[in-house]
Protein backbone atom coordinates (compact mmCIF):
# COMPACT_ATOMS: atom_id res chain seq x y z
CA MET A 1 -16.16 18.59 -6.85
CA GLY A 2 -19.31 17.61 -5.77
CA GLY A 3 -17.73 14.05 -4.36
CA THR A 4 -17.16 12.54 -8.24
CA SER A 5 -13.14 11.33 -8.56
CA LEU A 6 -11.62 13.10 -11.64
CA ALA A 7 -9.75 11.59 -14.49
CA VAL A 8 -6.25 13.28 -15.44
CA PRO A 9 -3.79 11.96 -17.95
CA CYS A 10 -1.45 9.17 -16.65
CA TRP A 11 1.56 10.54 -18.08
CA LEU A 12 1.17 14.08 -16.42
CA PRO A 13 3.02 14.41 -13.35
CA ALA A 14 0.18 15.21 -10.57
CA TRP A 15 2.12 16.91 -7.98
CA PRO A 16 5.58 18.66 -7.80
CA ALA A 17 8.71 16.11 -6.23
CA THR A 18 8.48 18.35 -3.38
CA ARG A 19 6.35 20.84 -1.78
CA PRO A 20 7.20 24.91 -0.81
CA ALA A 21 8.57 24.90 2.55
CA ALA A 22 5.37 27.22 3.25
CA ARG A 23 2.89 24.77 2.64
CA ARG A 24 4.89 22.93 5.90
CA ARG A 25 2.90 23.33 8.97
CA PRO A 26 3.52 22.16 12.27
CA ARG A 27 2.65 18.62 12.32
CA ALA A 28 0.70 16.25 15.07
CA GLY A 29 2.82 13.54 15.55
CA PRO A 30 6.74 12.78 15.57
CA ALA A 31 9.35 13.95 13.05
CA SER A 32 10.91 11.17 10.76
CA PRO A 33 14.63 12.07 9.68
CA ARG A 34 14.38 13.17 6.14
CA LEU A 35 16.01 11.16 3.32
CA ALA A 36 19.27 10.99 1.24
CA TRP A 37 17.85 11.77 -2.15
CA MET A 38 18.79 8.11 -3.93
CA THR A 39 16.85 6.28 -1.32
CA MET A 40 13.81 4.73 -0.71
CA ARG A 41 12.37 3.90 2.62
CA LEU A 42 9.40 1.28 3.01
CA THR A 43 7.57 1.77 6.47
CA VAL A 44 5.06 -1.46 6.92
CA ILE A 45 2.51 0.95 9.28
CA GLY A 46 -0.14 -2.41 8.70
CA CYS A 47 -0.30 -6.03 7.32
CA ALA A 48 -3.21 -7.66 8.94
CA GLY A 49 -5.01 -9.41 6.36
CA SER A 50 -8.93 -8.41 6.38
CA PHE A 51 -9.01 -7.46 9.69
CA PRO A 52 -6.65 -5.55 12.38
CA GLY A 53 -4.83 -8.19 14.01
CA PRO A 54 -3.50 -8.12 17.74
CA ASP A 55 -0.41 -6.55 16.35
CA SER A 56 -0.82 -4.76 13.32
CA PRO A 57 -3.53 -2.34 12.36
CA ALA A 58 -5.07 -3.58 8.66
CA SER A 59 -3.44 -2.61 4.74
CA CYS A 60 -1.14 0.42 5.45
CA TYR A 61 2.58 1.37 3.96
CA LEU A 62 4.76 4.67 4.03
CA VAL A 63 7.15 5.18 1.01
CA GLU A 64 8.86 7.89 1.13
CA ALA A 65 12.12 9.68 -0.92
CA GLU A 66 13.19 13.66 -1.03
CA GLY A 67 11.04 14.38 1.36
CA PHE A 68 7.90 13.51 -0.03
CA ARG A 69 5.47 10.64 1.63
CA LEU A 70 3.31 8.90 0.34
CA LEU A 71 0.55 6.69 1.53
CA LEU A 72 -0.20 2.71 -0.16
CA ASP A 73 -3.37 2.66 1.52
CA LEU A 74 -4.79 3.23 4.86
CA GLY A 75 -7.09 0.42 6.33
CA ASN A 76 -8.97 0.34 9.78
CA GLY A 77 -7.05 1.18 12.78
CA ALA A 78 -3.58 2.59 10.47
CA LEU A 79 -3.94 5.85 11.19
CA GLY A 80 -2.98 5.46 14.84
CA ALA A 81 0.26 3.66 14.40
CA LEU A 82 1.06 5.92 10.76
CA GLN A 83 1.80 8.84 13.32
CA ARG A 84 4.72 6.63 15.10
CA HIS A 85 6.42 7.39 11.80
CA ALA A 86 4.99 10.77 10.45
CA GLY A 87 3.82 13.46 11.77
CA LEU A 88 0.06 13.74 11.05
CA PHE A 89 -0.12 16.36 8.59
CA GLU A 90 3.17 15.31 6.86
CA ILE A 91 1.37 13.11 3.96
CA ASP A 92 2.02 14.27 0.42
CA ALA A 93 -0.58 11.38 -1.65
CA ILE A 94 -2.19 8.30 -1.16
CA CYS A 95 -2.50 5.78 -3.13
CA LEU A 96 -6.09 3.26 -2.41
CA SER A 97 -5.43 -0.19 -4.49
CA HIS A 98 -9.23 -0.57 -3.81
CA LEU A 99 -12.13 -0.28 -2.20
CA HIS A 100 -12.38 -2.70 0.25
CA GLY A 101 -12.62 -1.57 4.05
CA ASP A 102 -9.34 -2.66 5.29
CA HIS A 103 -7.44 -0.75 2.65
CA CYS A 104 -9.37 2.52 2.49
CA LEU A 105 -11.58 2.80 5.74
CA ASP A 106 -9.23 5.13 7.46
CA MET A 107 -9.61 7.80 4.90
CA ALA A 108 -13.00 8.78 6.97
CA SER A 109 -10.73 9.34 9.79
CA TYR A 110 -7.84 11.11 8.16
CA TRP A 111 -10.54 13.60 6.76
CA VAL A 112 -11.93 14.40 10.22
CA ALA A 113 -8.26 14.95 11.09
CA ARG A 114 -7.26 17.10 8.02
CA THR A 115 -11.09 18.94 8.01
CA TYR A 116 -10.74 20.33 12.30
CA SER A 117 -7.31 20.16 12.69
CA PRO A 118 -7.11 22.95 15.99
CA ASP A 119 -4.87 25.85 13.79
CA GLY A 120 -7.71 24.92 10.53
CA PRO A 121 -8.47 22.79 7.59
CA LYS A 122 -4.86 21.50 6.01
CA PRO A 123 -4.13 22.02 2.31
CA ARG A 124 -5.39 19.12 -0.27
CA ILE A 125 -3.81 16.65 -1.10
CA PRO A 126 -4.41 14.30 -3.45
CA VAL A 127 -6.03 10.88 -3.60
CA TYR A 128 -5.06 7.94 -6.51
CA GLY A 129 -7.99 5.68 -6.19
CA PRO A 130 -10.16 3.47 -8.49
CA ALA A 131 -13.74 5.00 -9.95
CA GLY A 132 -15.61 5.55 -7.38
CA THR A 133 -13.53 6.60 -4.45
CA ALA A 134 -14.56 9.69 -3.24
CA GLY A 135 -18.26 8.17 -3.04
CA ARG A 136 -17.40 4.90 -1.08
CA LEU A 137 -15.44 7.60 1.47
CA ALA A 138 -17.70 9.74 1.92
CA GLY A 139 -20.35 7.33 2.52
CA ALA A 140 -18.18 5.51 5.29
CA GLN A 141 -18.24 8.80 6.93
CA GLY A 142 -21.81 9.86 6.34
CA SER A 143 -23.90 10.66 3.51
CA SER A 144 -24.43 13.69 4.38
CA LEU A 145 -20.93 14.38 4.22
CA ALA A 146 -20.21 13.66 0.45
CA ARG A 147 -19.59 17.18 -0.80
CA GLU A 148 -17.24 17.86 2.84
CA MET A 149 -14.71 15.36 1.24
CA PRO A 150 -13.08 17.09 -1.68
CA PRO A 151 -11.76 19.80 0.11
CA ALA A 152 -9.84 18.09 2.40
CA PHE A 153 -8.58 15.48 -0.52
CA SER A 154 -8.52 15.49 -4.66
CA PHE A 155 -9.40 12.75 -6.18
CA GLU A 156 -8.16 11.73 -9.04
CA THR A 157 -9.29 8.08 -11.02
CA LEU A 158 -6.50 4.87 -11.10
CA THR A 159 -6.07 3.88 -14.21
CA PRO A 160 -3.35 0.96 -15.67
CA GLY A 161 -0.51 3.64 -16.80
CA THR A 162 2.53 5.36 -15.21
CA ARG A 163 2.39 8.75 -13.74
CA ARG A 164 4.97 10.59 -11.85
CA ILE A 165 3.30 11.12 -8.00
CA GLY A 166 6.18 13.22 -6.35
CA PRO A 167 9.42 11.90 -6.81
CA PHE A 168 8.39 7.95 -7.58
CA GLU A 169 7.78 6.91 -11.60
CA ILE A 170 4.70 4.89 -10.20
CA THR A 171 2.53 2.12 -12.67
CA ALA A 172 -0.53 0.75 -11.92
CA ASP A 173 -2.42 -2.30 -13.28
CA HIS A 174 -5.30 -4.43 -12.46
CA VAL A 175 -4.98 -7.51 -10.70
CA ASN A 176 -7.08 -10.34 -9.53
CA HIS A 177 -9.92 -9.78 -6.99
CA PRO A 178 -13.55 -9.01 -6.47
CA VAL A 179 -13.61 -5.61 -6.93
CA GLU A 180 -11.73 -3.41 -9.02
CA THR A 181 -8.03 -3.90 -7.66
CA PHE A 182 -4.61 -1.65 -8.63
CA ALA A 183 -0.99 -3.42 -7.76
CA PHE A 184 1.78 -1.12 -8.00
CA ARG A 185 6.12 -0.68 -9.22
CA LEU A 186 7.39 2.28 -7.49
CA GLU A 187 10.41 3.22 -8.99
CA HIS A 188 13.05 5.88 -7.78
CA GLY A 189 17.07 6.40 -7.38
CA GLY A 190 17.09 3.45 -9.37
CA ARG A 191 15.51 0.88 -7.22
CA ALA A 192 12.12 -0.61 -7.63
CA LEU A 193 9.38 -1.60 -5.26
CA ALA A 194 6.23 -3.55 -6.06
CA TYR A 195 2.96 -4.01 -4.24
CA SER A 196 0.33 -6.65 -4.92
CA ALA A 197 -2.30 -5.46 -2.88
CA ASP A 198 -5.04 -8.37 -2.81
CA THR A 199 -4.55 -10.59 -5.63
CA GLY A 200 -5.54 -14.24 -6.86
CA GLU A 201 -3.00 -15.44 -9.51
CA SER A 202 -2.24 -12.46 -11.74
CA ALA A 203 0.18 -12.42 -14.70
CA ALA A 204 0.09 -8.83 -14.58
CA LEU A 205 1.82 -8.76 -11.06
CA VAL A 206 4.23 -11.00 -12.34
CA ARG A 207 4.93 -8.32 -14.91
CA LEU A 208 4.80 -5.36 -12.47
CA ALA A 209 7.73 -6.71 -10.71
CA ARG A 210 9.47 -7.76 -12.65
CA GLY A 211 13.00 -7.32 -11.42
CA ALA A 212 12.18 -5.55 -8.62
CA ASP A 213 14.55 -4.97 -5.58
CA LEU A 214 11.37 -5.61 -3.38
CA LEU A 215 8.41 -7.30 -3.70
CA LEU A 216 5.71 -6.58 -0.95
CA CYS A 217 3.34 -9.24 -1.57
CA GLU A 218 -0.10 -10.33 -0.14
CA ALA A 219 -0.20 -14.46 1.32
CA SER A 220 -3.63 -14.37 3.30
CA PHE A 221 -4.61 -17.75 1.89
CA VAL A 222 -2.80 -20.99 3.37
CA GLU A 223 -2.50 -24.49 1.36
CA VAL A 224 -5.62 -26.79 1.30
CA PRO A 225 -4.62 -30.19 1.63
CA ALA A 226 -6.00 -32.64 -1.07
CA GLY A 227 -6.26 -36.09 -1.43
CA PRO A 228 -8.05 -39.23 0.55
CA GLY A 229 -6.59 -37.61 4.11
CA ALA A 230 -7.37 -33.98 3.39
CA GLY A 231 -11.29 -34.35 4.97
CA ARG A 232 -13.85 -31.81 3.83
CA ALA A 233 -11.47 -28.81 3.89
CA GLN A 234 -13.16 -26.41 0.69
CA PRO A 235 -10.49 -25.44 -1.71
CA ASN A 236 -8.99 -21.35 -1.28
CA PRO A 237 -11.77 -19.67 -4.18
CA PRO A 238 -9.81 -18.05 -7.51
CA ASP A 239 -8.90 -15.04 -8.29
CA LEU A 240 -9.19 -13.23 -4.43
CA HIS A 241 -6.26 -14.03 -2.59
CA LEU A 242 -2.72 -15.91 -2.47
CA THR A 243 -1.00 -18.40 -0.10
CA GLY A 244 2.28 -18.50 0.53
CA ARG A 245 3.26 -21.29 -1.81
CA GLN A 246 1.57 -18.70 -4.83
CA ALA A 247 3.34 -15.62 -3.15
CA GLY A 248 6.46 -17.24 -3.56
CA GLN A 249 5.79 -18.79 -7.02
CA HIS A 250 4.98 -14.89 -8.25
CA ALA A 251 8.22 -13.62 -6.51
CA ALA A 252 10.09 -16.22 -8.31
CA ARG A 253 8.76 -15.50 -11.72
CA ALA A 254 9.64 -11.87 -11.36
CA GLU A 255 12.86 -12.25 -10.76
CA VAL A 256 12.81 -10.06 -7.48
CA GLY A 257 15.46 -9.39 -4.80
CA GLU A 258 13.57 -10.18 -1.90
CA LEU A 259 10.02 -11.10 -0.68
CA VAL A 260 8.57 -9.73 2.13
CA LEU A 261 4.90 -11.62 2.99
CA THR A 262 2.26 -9.39 3.99
CA HIS A 263 -1.99 -9.06 3.96
CA LEU A 264 -1.30 -11.58 7.16
CA VAL A 265 -4.49 -13.06 8.54
CA ALA A 266 -4.83 -13.25 12.19
CA TRP A 267 -5.93 -16.79 12.33
CA ASN A 268 -3.33 -18.53 10.39
CA ASP A 269 -0.22 -20.16 11.15
CA GLN A 270 2.07 -17.52 9.94
CA ALA A 271 5.29 -19.72 10.04
CA GLY A 272 3.56 -22.04 7.82
CA VAL A 273 3.06 -19.58 5.60
CA LEU A 274 6.20 -18.28 5.16
CA ALA A 275 7.83 -21.92 5.04
CA GLU A 276 5.30 -22.31 1.92
CA ALA A 277 6.86 -19.51 -0.03
CA ALA A 278 10.04 -20.78 1.07
CA GLY A 279 9.63 -23.86 -0.90
CA THR A 280 8.86 -21.35 -4.04
CA PHE A 281 11.04 -19.25 -3.80
CA SER A 282 14.74 -19.22 -3.09
CA GLY A 283 15.51 -15.36 -2.26
CA ARG A 284 15.63 -13.29 0.59
CA LEU A 285 12.33 -13.82 2.20
CA SER A 286 10.57 -12.58 5.22
CA LEU A 287 7.51 -11.92 7.20
CA ALA A 288 5.81 -8.01 7.19
CA ALA A 289 4.89 -6.24 10.44
CA SER A 290 3.88 -3.26 11.77
CA GLY A 291 7.00 -1.12 11.99
CA ARG A 292 9.36 -2.83 9.84
CA ILE A 293 11.44 -0.44 7.84
CA PHE A 294 13.60 -1.25 4.45
CA ASN A 295 15.75 1.56 3.22
CA LEU A 296 16.68 0.86 -0.70
CA GLY A 297 19.55 2.86 -0.97
CA GLY A 298 21.36 3.33 -4.59
CA PRO A 299 22.04 0.86 -6.83
CA GLY A 300 23.92 -1.90 -6.00
CA GLU A 301 23.89 -1.39 -2.16
CA ASP A 302 21.38 -4.11 -0.03
CA ILE A 303 18.58 -3.42 0.85
CA GLN A 304 18.85 -2.14 4.92
CA PRO A 305 15.61 -3.75 6.89
CA THR A 306 16.03 -1.95 10.43
CA ARG A 307 13.71 -5.17 12.14
């Protein structure tokens, strides 16, 4: 493909619901149990905002159903932690929300792993991302390797709309960030998971998350004091990130069942971010953490976090 992105109609299935058994090769990394057909499982691989923190890599989330493994983002530091939860070569597809390094740079390392595996290159897997994804990743690895990226990955350009990826019905829409950025809604077995990616205040995020069982929402900023005693603190810039209070407002407007705050910046007071969100969202609320797992069972069943 010469490092170019290929647009595909959003109404066409992009990958079979499961791979043929013969395509499964011996894996590097631990096995994880296959899920019941109606279960959708979310594993937080990395939830640190803007750069890896002491307790978490940057953004990466593993979503599984019917034996299919999908990654939402693969930020710096995430590839190592991913192998605690899935075999290195057991990923079936990847969705990249945007091309900032903390959401995509471990794709360069994953290219190395899939290309130079001791038993030979691994089969190509689809990568869905904004326009220019192939070139961005090739540039991160070295411009001379641009022509080498496609044998490991099949790049497909995201556009707003709904498509099927494996067993998931996935709806993507633009949110408010300095570069082209997509938030996602994943549906399977009567359950819905929404992921904000990076965004400032966004009506599109509220639409995507409407009635979702779980909203994984960024909360990178803290509230800036206002008024006479505020000192010289500068206001948070618009169309960049959300505070905990704003994340809670989005969750309340969307009437989601549960809000999990993510993209947590290491220098912030996370207890304060959680308290801000609790002031605007009265539902189930928690902070993401690397290794947290949420099992979204069939309709009417409670979400079961493991940590």
